[in-house]
PDB file of N, CA and C in Angstrom:
ATOM      1  N   MET A   1       0.992  -1.217  -0.153  1.00  0.00           N
ATOM      2  CA  MET A   1       0.171  -0.072  -0.168  1.00  0.00           C
ATOM      3  C   MET A   1       1.141   1.397   0.071  1.00  0.00           C
ATOM      4  N   ALA A   2       0.538   2.141  -0.983  1.00  0.00           N
ATOM      5  CA  ALA A   2       1.267   3.428  -0.500  1.00  0.00           C
ATOM      6  C   ALA A   2       1.299   4.352   0.331  1.00  0.00           C
ATOM      7  N   GLU A   3       2.259   5.167   0.592  1.00  0.00           N
ATOM      8  CA  GLU A   3       2.599   5.748   1.944  1.00  0.00           C
ATOM      9  C   GLU A   3       1.665   7.403   1.503  1.00  0.00           C
ATOM     10  N   ALA A   4       0.959   7.721   2.430  1.00  0.00           N
ATOM     11  CA  ALA A   4       0.429   8.944   2.384  1.00  0.00           C
ATOM     12  C   ALA A   4       1.446   9.896   2.461  1.00  0.00           C
ATOM     13  N   LYS A   5       1.050  11.159   1.560  1.00  0.00           N
ATOM     14  CA  LYS A   5       2.191  11.930   1.304  1.00  0.00           C
ATOM     15  C   LYS A   5       1.836  12.980   2.394  1.00  0.00           C
ATOM     16  N   ASN A   6       2.878  13.766   2.722  1.00  0.00           N
ATOM     17  CA  ASN A   6       2.599  14.711   3.932  1.00  0.00           C
ATOM     18  C   ASN A   6       2.390  16.138   3.289  1.00  0.00           C
ATOM     19  N   THR A   7       1.942  16.949   3.582  1.00  0.00           N
ATOM     20  CA  THR A   7       1.733  18.317   3.255  1.00  0.00           C
ATOM     21  C   THR A   7       2.905  18.976   2.602  1.00  0.00           C
ATOM     22  N   VAL A   8       4.012  19.042   3.082  1.00  0.00           N
ATOM     23  CA  VAL A   8       5.129  19.600   2.653  1.00  0.00           C
ATOM     24  C   VAL A   8       5.385  18.606   1.428  1.00  0.00           C
ATOM     25  N   ASP A   9       5.473  17.440   1.172  1.00  0.00           N
ATOM     26  CA  ASP A   9       5.880  16.555   0.162  1.00  0.00           C
ATOM     27  C   ASP A   9       4.671  17.010  -1.075  1.00  0.00           C
ATOM     28  N   SER A  10       3.450  17.335  -0.818  1.00  0.00           N
ATOM     29  CA  SER A  10       2.433  17.539  -1.844  1.00  0.00           C
ATOM     30  C   SER A  10       2.646  18.997  -2.473  1.00  0.00           C
ATOM     31  N   ILE A  11       2.905  19.722  -1.298  1.00  0.00           N
ATOM     32  CA  ILE A  11       3.273  21.405  -1.759  1.00  0.00           C
ATOM     33  C   ILE A  11       4.715  21.351  -2.624  1.00  0.00           C
ATOM     34  N   ARG A  12       5.697  20.451  -2.130  1.00  0.00           N
ATOM     35  CA  ARG A  12       6.879  20.508  -3.187  1.00  0.00           C
ATOM     36  C   ARG A  12       6.801  20.065  -4.625  1.00  0.00           C
ATOM     37  N   GLU A  13       5.730  19.002  -4.583  1.00  0.00           N
ATOM     38  CA  GLU A  13       5.487  18.431  -5.860  1.00  0.00           C
ATOM     39  C   GLU A  13       4.651  19.087  -6.726  1.00  0.00           C
ATOM     40  N   TRP A  14       3.546  20.002  -6.376  1.00  0.00           N
ATOM     41  CA  TRP A  14       2.755  20.892  -7.056  1.00  0.00           C
ATOM     42  C   TRP A  14       3.814  22.099  -7.314  1.00  0.00           C
ATOM     43  N   VAL A  15       4.571  22.732  -6.677  1.00  0.00           N
ATOM     44  CA  VAL A  15       5.800  23.672  -7.095  1.00  0.00           C
ATOM     45  C   VAL A  15       6.581  23.190  -8.391  1.00  0.00           C
ATOM     46  N   VAL A  16       6.837  21.834  -8.169  1.00  0.00           N
ATOM     47  CA  VAL A  16       8.155  21.167  -9.143  1.00  0.00           C
ATOM     48  C   VAL A  16       7.422  21.330 -10.323  1.00  0.00           C
ATOM     49  N   ASP A  17       5.733  21.046 -10.511  1.00  0.00           N
ATOM     50  CA  ASP A  17       5.306  20.613 -11.661  1.00  0.00           C
ATOM     51  C   ASP A  17       4.681  22.239 -12.179  1.00  0.00           C
ATOM     52  N   HIS A  18       4.454  23.106 -11.437  1.00  0.00           N
ATOM     53  CA  HIS A  18       4.085  24.353 -11.846  1.00  0.00           C
ATOM     54  C   HIS A  18       4.981  25.442 -11.434  1.00  0.00           C
ATOM     55  N   LYS A  19       6.179  25.607 -11.723  1.00  0.00           N
ATOM     56  CA  LYS A  19       7.479  26.216 -11.269  1.00  0.00           C
ATOM     57  C   LYS A  19       7.281  27.806 -11.894  1.00  0.00           C
ATOM     58  N   LEU A  20       6.880  28.148 -13.310  1.00  0.00           N
ATOM     59  CA  LEU A  20       6.466  29.409 -13.568  1.00  0.00           C
ATOM     60  C   LEU A  20       5.289  29.978 -13.131  1.00  0.00           C
ATOM     61  N   ARG A  21       4.434  28.895 -12.642  1.00  0.00           N
ATOM     62  CA  ARG A  21       3.010  29.922 -12.142  1.00  0.00           C
ATOM     63  C   ARG A  21       3.495  30.337 -10.678  1.00  0.00           C
ATOM     64  N   THR A  22       4.134  29.367 -10.113  1.00  0.00           N
ATOM     65  CA  THR A  22       4.704  29.403  -8.696  1.00  0.00           C
ATOM     66  C   THR A  22       5.253  31.157  -8.746  1.00  0.00           C
ATOM     67  N   VAL A  23       6.321  30.915  -9.366  1.00  0.00           N
ATOM     68  CA  VAL A  23       7.093  32.601  -9.463  1.00  0.00           C
ATOM     69  C   VAL A  23       6.081  33.295  -9.881  1.00  0.00           C
ATOM     70  N   GLY A  24       5.468  33.306 -11.011  1.00  0.00           N
ATOM     71  CA  GLY A  24       4.517  34.571 -11.462  1.00  0.00           C
ATOM     72  C   GLY A  24       3.486  34.842 -10.201  1.00  0.00           C
ATOM     73  N   CYS A  25       3.019  33.953  -9.432  1.00  0.00           N
ATOM     74  CA  CYS A  25       2.059  34.399  -8.341  1.00  0.00           C
ATOM     75  C   CYS A  25       2.781  35.212  -7.318  1.00  0.00           C
ATOM     76  N   LEU A  26       4.099  34.678  -6.965  1.00  0.00           N
ATOM     77  CA  LEU A  26       4.742  35.188  -5.900  1.00  0.00           C
ATOM     78  C   LEU A  26       5.227  36.686  -6.397  1.00  0.00           C
ATOM     79  N   TRP A  27       5.631  37.026  -7.823  1.00  0.00           N
ATOM     80  CA  TRP A  27       6.156  38.072  -8.049  1.00  0.00           C
ATOM     81  C   TRP A  27       4.499  39.084  -8.046  1.00  0.00           C
ATOM     82  N   LEU A  28       3.318  38.584  -8.463  1.00  0.00           N
ATOM     83  CA  LEU A  28       2.434  39.253  -8.409  1.00  0.00           C
ATOM     84  C   LEU A  28       1.916  39.610  -7.027  1.00  0.00           C
ATOM     85  N   SER A  29       1.899  38.562  -6.167  1.00  0.00           N
ATOM     86  CA  SER A  29       1.547  38.990  -4.709  1.00  0.00           C
ATOM     87  C   SER A  29       2.564  39.990  -3.884  1.00  0.00           C
ATOM     88  N   GLY A  30       4.058  39.758  -4.284  1.00  0.00           N
ATOM     89  CA  GLY A  30       5.017  40.728  -3.671  1.00  0.00           C
ATOM     90  C   GLY A  30       4.674  41.937  -4.226  1.00  0.00           C
ATOM     91  N   ILE A  31       4.438  42.087  -5.566  1.00  0.00           N
ATOM     92  CA  ILE A  31       4.246  43.693  -6.072  1.00  0.00           C
ATOM     93  C   ILE A  31       2.979  44.209  -5.547  1.00  0.00           C
ATOM     94  N   ALA A  32       1.918  43.452  -5.234  1.00  0.00           N
ATOM     95  CA  ALA A  32       0.674  43.986  -4.866  1.00  0.00           C
ATOM     96  C   ALA A  32       0.873  44.154  -3.106  1.00  0.00           C
ATOM     97  N   GLY A  33       1.600  43.519  -2.375  1.00  0.00           N
ATOM     98  CA  GLY A  33       1.811  43.714  -1.005  1.00  0.00           C
ATOM     99  C   GLY A  33       2.773  44.879  -0.836  1.00  0.00           C
ATOM    100  N   SER A  34       3.753  45.072  -1.696  1.00  0.00           N
ATOM    101  CA  SER A  34       4.767  46.225  -1.455  1.00  0.00           C
ATOM    102  C   SER A  34       3.879  47.509  -1.890  1.00  0.00           C
ATOM    103  N   ILE A  35       2.907  47.566  -3.100  1.00  0.00           N
ATOM    104  CA  ILE A  35       2.256  48.540  -3.436  1.00  0.00           C
ATOM    105  C   ILE A  35       1.507  49.082  -1.956  1.00  0.00           C
ATOM    106  N   ALA A  36       0.776  48.129  -1.342  1.00  0.00           N
ATOM    107  CA  ALA A  36      -0.016  48.401  -0.464  1.00  0.00           C
ATOM    108  C   ALA A  36       0.563  49.060   0.851  1.00  0.00           C
ATOM    109  N   TYR A  37       1.773  48.558   0.949  1.00  0.00           N
ATOM    110  CA  TYR A  37       2.819  48.888   2.147  1.00  0.00           C
ATOM    111  C   TYR A  37       3.225  50.130   1.773  1.00  0.00           C
ATOM    112  N   ASN A  38       4.047  50.502   0.674  1.00  0.00           N
ATOM    113  CA  ASN A  38       4.366  51.958   0.303  1.00  0.00           C
ATOM    114  C   ASN A  38       3.240  52.790   0.192  1.00  0.00           C
ATOM    115  N   TRP A  39       1.840  52.426  -0.086  1.00  0.00           N
ATOM    116  CA  TRP A  39       0.970  53.580  -0.250  1.00  0.00           C
ATOM    117  C   TRP A  39       0.611  54.092   1.348  1.00  0.00           C
ATOM    118  N   SER A  40       0.813  53.282   2.042  1.00  0.00           N
ATOM    119  CA  SER A  40       0.764  53.680   3.411  1.00  0.00           C
ATOM    120  C   SER A  40       1.712  54.701   3.999  1.00  0.00           C
ATOM    121  N   GLN A  41       2.594  55.031   2.950  1.00  0.00           N
ATOM    122  CA  GLN A  41       3.833  55.948   3.465  1.00  0.00           C
ATOM    123  C   GLN A  41       3.512  57.035   2.949  1.00  0.00           C
ATOM    124  N   PRO A  42       2.867  58.489   3.845  1.00  0.00           N
ATOM    125  CA  PRO A  42       2.538  59.578   3.165  1.00  0.00           C
ATOM    126  C   PRO A  42       3.277  60.538   2.653  1.00  0.00           C
ATOM    127  N   ASN A  43       4.622  60.149   2.907  1.00  0.00           N
ATOM    128  CA  ASN A  43       5.993  61.223   2.890  1.00  0.00           C
ATOM    129  C   ASN A  43       6.549  60.930   1.464  1.00  0.00           C
ATOM    130  N   MET A  44       6.305  59.856   0.812  1.00  0.00           N
ATOM    131  CA  MET A  44       6.459  59.374  -0.501  1.00  0.00           C
ATOM    132  C   MET A  44       6.009  59.908  -1.755  1.00  0.00           C
ATOM    133  N   LYS A  45       6.501  60.131  -2.840  1.00  0.00           N
ATOM    134  CA  LYS A  45       6.134  60.432  -4.213  1.00  0.00           C
ATOM    135  C   LYS A  45       5.544  59.177  -4.727  1.00  0.00           C
ATOM    136  N   THR A  46       4.671  59.252  -5.593  1.00  0.00           N
ATOM    137  CA  THR A  46       4.145  58.149  -6.315  1.00  0.00           C
ATOM    138  C   THR A  46       5.108  57.105  -6.832  1.00  0.00           C
ATOM    139  N   SER A  47       6.013  58.067  -7.976  1.00  0.00           N
ATOM    140  CA  SER A  47       6.970  57.541  -8.773  1.00  0.00           C
ATOM    141  C   SER A  47       7.893  56.562  -7.873  1.00  0.00           C
ATOM    142  N   VAL A  48       8.421  57.436  -6.669  1.00  0.00           N
ATOM    143  CA  VAL A  48       9.054  56.299  -5.740  1.00  0.00           C
ATOM    144  C   VAL A  48       8.304  55.513  -5.251  1.00  0.00           C
ATOM    145  N   LYS A  49       7.387  55.111  -4.754  1.00  0.00           N
ATOM    146  CA  LYS A  49       6.289  54.329  -4.445  1.00  0.00           C
ATOM    147  C   LYS A  49       6.098  53.150  -5.320  1.00  0.00           C
ATOM    148  N   ILE A  50       5.941  53.623  -6.755  1.00  0.00           N
ATOM    149  CA  ILE A  50       5.923  52.349  -7.437  1.00  0.00           C
ATOM    150  C   ILE A  50       7.740  51.693  -7.864  1.00  0.00           C
ATOM    151  N   ILE A  51       8.589  52.657  -7.703  1.00  0.00           N
ATOM    152  CA  ILE A  51       9.641  52.056  -7.721  1.00  0.00           C
ATOM    153  C   ILE A  51      10.102  51.094  -6.897  1.00  0.00           C
ATOM    154  N   HIS A  52       9.974  51.312  -5.526  1.00  0.00           N
ATOM    155  CA  HIS A  52      10.056  50.515  -4.394  1.00  0.00           C
ATOM    156  C   HIS A  52       9.421  49.114  -4.428  1.00  0.00           C
ATOM    157  N   ALA A  53       7.939  49.287  -4.930  1.00  0.00           N
ATOM    158  CA  ALA A  53       7.035  47.992  -5.274  1.00  0.00           C
ATOM    159  C   ALA A  53       7.983  47.148  -6.126  1.00  0.00           C
ATOM    160  N   ARG A  54       8.552  47.899  -7.353  1.00  0.00           N
ATOM    161  CA  ARG A  54       9.131  46.765  -8.265  1.00  0.00           C
ATOM    162  C   ARG A  54      10.257  46.259  -7.561  1.00  0.00           C
ATOM    163  N   LEU A  55      11.025  47.094  -7.070  1.00  0.00           N
ATOM    164  CA  LEU A  55      12.183  46.278  -6.472  1.00  0.00           C
ATOM    165  C   LEU A  55      11.795  45.332  -5.524  1.00  0.00           C
ATOM    166  N   HIS A  56      11.049  45.798  -4.513  1.00  0.00           N
ATOM    167  CA  HIS A  56      10.705  44.441  -3.821  1.00  0.00           C
ATOM    168  C   HIS A  56       9.968  43.188  -4.460  1.00  0.00           C
ATOM    169  N   ALA A  57       9.401  43.656  -5.395  1.00  0.00           N
ATOM    170  CA  ALA A  57       8.716  42.263  -6.227  1.00  0.00           C
ATOM    171  C   ALA A  57       9.912  41.529  -7.084  1.00  0.00           C
ATOM    172  N   GLN A  58      10.817  42.400  -7.336  1.00  0.00           N
ATOM    173  CA  GLN A  58      11.913  41.740  -8.380  1.00  0.00           C
ATOM    174  C   GLN A  58      13.070  41.020  -7.053  1.00  0.00           C
ATOM    175  N   ALA A  59      13.156  41.546  -5.858  1.00  0.00           N
ATOM    176  CA  ALA A  59      13.885  40.733  -5.015  1.00  0.00           C
ATOM    177  C   ALA A  59      13.268  39.096  -4.633  1.00  0.00           C
ATOM    178  N   LEU A  60      11.840  39.358  -4.380  1.00  0.00           N
ATOM    179  CA  LEU A  60      11.268  38.293  -4.057  1.00  0.00           C
ATOM    180  C   LEU A  60      11.260  37.313  -5.160  1.00  0.00           C
ATOM    181  N   THR A  61      11.004  37.825  -6.571  1.00  0.00           N
ATOM    182  CA  THR A  61      11.270  36.976  -7.771  1.00  0.00           C
ATOM    183  C   THR A  61      12.575  36.087  -7.807  1.00  0.00           C
ATOM    184  N   LEU A  62      13.652  36.818  -7.522  1.00  0.00           N
ATOM    185  CA  LEU A  62      15.056  36.413  -7.413  1.00  0.00           C
ATOM    186  C   LEU A  62      14.801  35.070  -6.444  1.00  0.00           C
ATOM    187  N   ALA A  63      14.250  35.293  -5.620  1.00  0.00           N
ATOM    188  CA  ALA A  63      14.510  34.189  -4.331  1.00  0.00           C
ATOM    189  C   ALA A  63      13.507  33.057  -4.563  1.00  0.00           C
ATOM    190  N   ALA A  64      12.385  33.414  -5.289  1.00  0.00           N
ATOM    191  CA  ALA A  64      11.483  32.326  -6.008  1.00  0.00           C
ATOM    192  C   ALA A  64      12.435  31.349  -7.083  1.00  0.00           C
ATOM    193  N   LEU A  65      13.164  32.123  -7.829  1.00  0.00           N
ATOM    194  CA  LEU A  65      13.708  31.362  -9.062  1.00  0.00           C
ATOM    195  C   LEU A  65      15.107  30.691  -8.318  1.00  0.00           C
ATOM    196  N   SER A  66      15.461  31.361  -7.319  1.00  0.00           N
ATOM    197  CA  SER A  66      16.593  30.306  -6.608  1.00  0.00           C
ATOM    198  C   SER A  66      16.093  29.077  -5.706  1.00  0.00           C
ATOM    199  N   GLY A  67      14.785  29.306  -5.109  1.00  0.00           N
ATOM    200  CA  GLY A  67      14.010  27.964  -4.737  1.00  0.00           C
ATOM    201  C   GLY A  67      13.787  27.193  -5.687  1.00  0.00           C
ATOM    202  N   ALA A  68      13.300  27.698  -6.764  1.00  0.00           N
ATOM    203  CA  ALA A  68      12.873  26.724  -7.975  1.00  0.00           C
ATOM    204  C   ALA A  68      14.387  25.853  -8.191  1.00  0.00           C
ATOM    205  N   ALA A  69      15.401  26.546  -8.324  1.00  0.00           N
ATOM    206  CA  ALA A  69      16.687  25.922  -8.791  1.00  0.00           C
ATOM    207  C   ALA A  69      16.846  24.773  -7.870  1.00  0.00           C
ATOM    208  N   ILE A  70      16.533  25.361  -6.546  1.00  0.00           N
ATOM    209  CA  ILE A  70      17.436  24.060  -5.509  1.00  0.00           C
ATOM    210  C   ILE A  70      16.436  23.133  -5.507  1.00  0.00           C
ATOM    211  N   VAL A  71      15.193  23.111  -5.540  1.00  0.00           N
ATOM    212  CA  VAL A  71      14.184  21.856  -5.934  1.00  0.00           C
ATOM    213  C   VAL A  71      14.544  21.284  -7.227  1.00  0.00           C
ATOM    214  N   GLU A  72      14.907  21.782  -8.242  1.00  0.00           N
ATOM    215  CA  GLU A  72      14.932  21.454  -9.384  1.00  0.00           C
ATOM    216  C   GLU A  72      16.499  20.255  -9.337  1.00  0.00           C
ATOM    217  N   TYR A  73      17.591  21.101  -8.810  1.00  0.00           N
ATOM    218  CA  TYR A  73      18.945  20.508  -8.056  1.00  0.00           C
ATOM    219  C   TYR A  73      18.643  19.211  -7.223  1.00  0.00           C
ATOM    220  N   TYR A  74      17.607  19.239  -6.409  1.00  0.00           N
ATOM    221  CA  TYR A  74      17.246  18.255  -5.393  1.00  0.00           C
ATOM    222  C   TYR A  74      16.572  17.086  -6.315  1.00  0.00           C
ATOM    223  N   ASP A  75      15.754  17.327  -7.405  1.00  0.00           N
ATOM    224  CA  ASP A  75      15.367  16.452  -7.691  1.00  0.00           C
ATOM    225  C   ASP A  75      16.136  15.726  -8.884  1.00  0.00           C
ATOM    226  N   HIS A  76      17.115  16.346  -9.352  1.00  0.00           N
ATOM    227  CA  HIS A  76      18.172  15.748 -10.232  1.00  0.00           C
ATOM    228  C   HIS A  76      18.925  14.667  -9.304  1.00  0.00           C
ATOM    229  N   ARG A  77      19.241  15.054  -8.169  1.00  0.00           N
ATOM    230  CA  ARG A  77      20.246  14.360  -7.218  1.00  0.00           C
ATOM    231  C   ARG A  77      19.711  13.019  -6.656  1.00  0.00           C
ATOM    232  N   THR A  78      18.437  13.042  -6.302  1.00  0.00           N
ATOM    233  CA  THR A  78      17.554  12.201  -5.668  1.00  0.00           C
ATOM    234  C   THR A  78      16.892  11.039  -6.908  1.00  0.00           C
ATOM    235  N   GLY A  79      16.899  11.746  -8.306  1.00  0.00           N
ATOM    236  CA  GLY A  79      16.470  10.639  -9.175  1.00  0.00           C
ATOM    237  C   GLY A  79      14.755  10.891  -9.295  1.00  0.00           C
ATOM    238  N   ALA A  80      14.139  11.897  -8.721  1.00  0.00           N
ATOM    239  CA  ALA A  80      12.788  11.983  -8.709  1.00  0.00           C
ATOM    240  C   ALA A  80      12.385  12.584  -9.631  1.00  0.00           C
ATOM    241  N   LYS A  81      13.442  13.395 -10.555  1.00  0.00           N
ATOM    242  CA  LYS A  81      12.716  13.813 -11.756  1.00  0.00           C
ATOM    243  C   LYS A  81      12.473  12.588 -12.719  1.00  0.00           C
ATOM    244  N   GLN A  82      13.858  11.760 -12.709  1.00  0.00           N
ATOM    245  CA  GLN A  82      13.729  11.002 -13.866  1.00  0.00           C
ATOM    246  C   GLN A  82      12.466   9.990 -13.774  1.00  0.00           C
ATOM    247  N   GLU A  83      12.068   9.872 -12.355  1.00  0.00           N
ATOM    248  CA  GLU A  83      10.852   8.680 -12.175  1.00  0.00           C
ATOM    249  C   GLU A  83       9.744   9.388 -12.897  1.00  0.00           C
ATOM    250  N   ARG A  84       9.644  11.078 -12.826  1.00  0.00           N
ATOM    251  CA  ARG A  84       8.448  11.569 -13.258  1.00  0.00           C
ATOM    252  C   ARG A  84       8.474  11.422 -14.660  1.00  0.00           C
ATOM    253  N   VAL A  85       9.634  11.782 -15.464  1.00  0.00           N
ATOM    254  CA  VAL A  85       9.478  11.631 -16.934  1.00  0.00           C
ATOM    255  C   VAL A  85       9.341  10.617 -17.155  1.00  0.00           C
ATOM    256  N   ALA A  86       9.511   9.371 -16.662  1.00  0.00           N
ATOM    257  CA  ALA A  86       9.489   7.816 -17.175  1.00  0.00           C
ATOM    258  C   ALA A  86       7.927   7.689 -16.831  1.00  0.00           C
ATOM    259  N   LYS A  87       7.389   8.100 -15.958  1.00  0.00           N
ATOM    260  CA  LYS A  87       6.037   7.847 -15.557  1.00  0.00           C
ATOM    261  C   LYS A  87       5.106   8.546 -16.705  1.00  0.00           C
ATOM    262  N   PHE A  88       5.444   9.955 -17.200  1.00  0.00           N
ATOM    263  CA  PHE A  88       4.929  10.422 -18.103  1.00  0.00           C
ATOM    264  C   PHE A  88       5.085   9.835 -19.491  1.00  0.00           C
ATOM    265  N   LEU A  89       6.121   9.253 -19.927  1.00  0.00           N
ATOM    266  CA  LEU A  89       6.139   8.754 -21.090  1.00  0.00           C
ATOM    267  C   LEU A  89       6.104   7.285 -21.049  1.00  0.00           C
ATOM    268  N   ASN A  90       5.353   6.328 -19.932  1.00  0.00           N
ATOM    269  CA  ASN A  90       4.770   5.245 -19.868  1.00  0.00           C
ATOM    270  C   ASN A  90       5.962   4.499 -19.465  1.00  0.00           C
ATOM    271  N   LEU A  91       7.137   4.888 -19.104  1.00  0.00           N
ATOM    272  CA  LEU A  91       8.491   3.620 -19.111  1.00  0.00           C
ATOM    273  C   LEU A  91       8.616   3.580 -17.746  1.00  0.00           C
ATOM    274  N   ASP A  92       9.517   2.273 -17.348  1.00  0.00           N
ATOM    275  CA  ASP A  92       9.714   2.277 -15.898  1.00  0.00           C
ATOM    276  C   ASP A  92      11.428   2.418 -16.057  1.00  0.00           C
ATOM    277  N   PRO A  93      11.648   3.324 -14.803  1.00  0.00           N
ATOM    278  CA  PRO A  93      12.743   3.933 -14.868  1.00  0.00           C
ATOM    279  C   PRO A  93      13.886   3.059 -14.432  1.00  0.00           C
ATOM    280  N   ARG A  94      13.316   1.765 -13.239  1.00  0.00           N
ATOM    281  CA  ARG A  94      14.306   0.693 -13.020  1.00  0.00           C
ATOM    282  C   ARG A  94      14.564  -0.131 -13.987  1.00  0.00           C
ATOM    283  N   LYS A  95      13.871  -0.326 -14.882  1.00  0.00           N
ATOM    284  CA  LYS A  95      14.353  -1.216 -16.094  1.00  0.00           C
ATOM    285  C   LYS A  95      15.462  -0.833 -16.876  1.00  0.00           C
ATOM    286  N   ASP A  96      16.756  -1.361 -17.084  1.00  0.00           N
ATOM    287  CA  ASP A  96      17.585  -1.144 -18.129  1.00  0.00           C
ATOM    288  C   ASP A  96      17.807  -2.108 -18.955  1.00  0.00           C
TER     289      ASP A  96
END
């Protein structure tokens, strides 16, 4: 009987399958949150608020891309990616 996956494994698997969507959602939420925070600062010009929001979102995107690269590296090291590709192609990865 197959073991039940825990929440972290389920999230990691979803992120691996939807890397670009994850990074895009993080970027969008980062820029929205940063704009909301910067808009509460009364002593800033609008152009400075927008520039700060873009910079915050850019930093968050770089962090998300780094995280996706680490997940990809981990999958290559453990062979999980090979098993996923074999499953997609209907191959048995243990057969040589």
